[in-house]
Protein backbone atom coordinates (compact mmCIF):
# COMPACT_ATOMS: atom_id res chain seq x y z
CA MET A 1 0.03 0.01 -0.19
CA ASN A 2 1.46 3.46 -1.16
CA ASN A 3 1.79 6.00 1.43
CA ASP A 4 -0.22 9.28 0.34
CA ASN A 5 2.55 11.29 0.26
CA GLU A 6 5.17 9.12 -1.58
CA ALA A 7 2.29 9.45 -4.35
CA ASN A 8 1.69 13.01 -4.24
CA ASP A 9 5.48 13.53 -3.92
CA ALA A 10 6.05 11.19 -7.53
CA ASN A 11 3.21 13.62 -9.42
CA ASP A 12 5.31 17.07 -9.11
CA ASN A 13 7.93 16.25 -12.06
CA GLY A 14 10.72 16.30 -9.62
CA ASP A 15 10.20 20.08 -8.13
CA GLU A 16 10.46 20.87 -4.68
CA LEU A 17 8.78 18.52 -2.49
CA TYR A 18 7.01 19.98 0.29
CA VAL A 19 6.65 16.75 2.50
CA GLY A 20 4.77 17.08 5.77
CA LEU A 21 2.15 19.58 4.39
CA PRO A 22 -1.20 18.63 3.63
CA GLU A 23 -2.22 17.96 0.02
CA THR A 24 -4.22 21.27 -0.16
CA GLU A 25 -1.60 23.24 0.91
CA ARG A 26 1.24 21.69 -1.41
CA GLN A 27 -1.04 21.68 -4.52
CA GLU A 28 -1.57 25.70 -3.98
CA LEU A 29 1.96 25.99 -3.33
CA LEU A 30 3.01 24.70 -6.45
CA ARG A 31 -0.33 26.37 -8.29
CA GLN A 32 1.54 30.03 -7.08
CA ARG A 33 4.84 28.71 -8.11
CA HIS A 34 3.67 27.81 -11.78
CA GLU A 35 2.12 31.11 -11.63
CA VAL A 36 4.82 33.36 -11.08
CA GLN A 37 7.04 31.02 -13.55
CA GLN A 38 4.32 32.24 -16.14
CA GLU A 39 4.39 35.41 -15.07
CA ILE A 40 8.39 35.96 -15.19
CA GLN A 41 8.09 34.42 -18.77
CA MET A 42 5.20 36.85 -20.07
CA LEU A 43 7.61 39.53 -18.63
CA ARG A 44 10.62 38.34 -19.97
CA GLN A 45 9.06 38.22 -23.32
CA GLU A 46 7.08 41.85 -23.21
CA GLY A 47 10.90 42.77 -22.37
CA GLU A 48 12.64 41.50 -25.53
CA ARG A 49 9.71 42.93 -27.44
CA LEU A 50 10.03 46.35 -26.01
CA LEU A 51 14.09 45.67 -26.97
CA LEU A 52 13.11 45.36 -30.28
CA GLU A 53 10.89 47.96 -31.08
CA GLN A 54 13.26 50.46 -29.51
CA GLN A 55 16.11 49.22 -31.64
CA ARG A 56 13.52 49.40 -34.47
CA GLN A 57 12.58 53.03 -34.00
CA LEU A 58 16.47 53.86 -33.81
CA LEU A 59 17.29 52.40 -36.71
CA LEU A 60 14.45 54.43 -38.17
CA LEU A 61 15.52 57.85 -37.00
CA GLU A 62 19.07 56.68 -38.25
CA GLN A 63 17.47 56.30 -41.67
CA GLN A 64 15.85 59.37 -41.68
CA ARG A 65 18.79 61.02 -40.72
CA LEU A 66 21.00 59.70 -43.40
CA LEU A 67 17.96 60.87 -45.87
CA GLN A 68 17.77 64.24 -44.90
CA GLU A 69 21.43 64.50 -45.05
CA GLN A 70 21.31 62.69 -48.60
CA VAL A 71 18.49 64.94 -49.60
CA GLU A 72 20.58 68.61 -48.49
CA HIS A 73 23.44 67.22 -50.31
CA ILE A 74 21.81 66.40 -53.59
CA GLY A 75 19.74 69.96 -53.42
CA CYS A 76 23.35 71.64 -52.59
CA ILE A 77 24.43 69.66 -56.06
CA ALA A 78 21.43 70.65 -58.21
CA ASP A 79 21.63 74.28 -57.35
CA ASP A 80 24.69 74.59 -58.29
CA ARG A 81 24.20 73.02 -61.52
CA GLN A 82 21.11 74.95 -62.12
CA THR A 83 22.25 78.39 -60.67
CA HIS A 84 25.36 80.36 -61.02
CA SER A 85 24.48 83.55 -58.97
CA ALA A 86 26.06 84.56 -56.16
CA THR A 87 23.41 83.56 -53.34
CA ARG A 88 23.50 79.83 -54.36
CA THR A 89 21.24 78.13 -51.66
CA CYS A 90 20.64 74.42 -51.00
CA LEU A 91 17.20 73.42 -50.27
CA THR A 92 17.01 75.08 -46.88
CA ASN A 93 17.34 78.28 -48.54
CA THR A 94 20.17 78.97 -46.59
CA PRO A 95 22.51 81.27 -48.83
CA ARG A 96 26.04 79.40 -49.16
CA ASP A 97 27.70 82.08 -47.85
CA ALA A 98 25.41 82.65 -44.86
CA GLU A 99 26.48 82.12 -41.18
CA PRO A 100 25.80 79.19 -39.52
CA PHE A 101 22.92 79.89 -36.79
């Protein structure tokens, strides 16, 4: 005849054994531990998702900055080819000889 504690201990997948506790308390502790483990996993996944989103936003900002530099550079080149006046400007409409802000 099996001892009730031995039979219950065999069903907990080798995790900590709460020997000497009534069955309902042991089940409650195992349930709580399982819930905590699930919550930890969900928080880790959310952290990873947020990190990926932050990296994506930083990449988009860098791409935007590079595109802006290209537009300004192309605008200056196009302006140089089309006008030969003393006040050549880039797409920013800032005279080339103007002082920086």
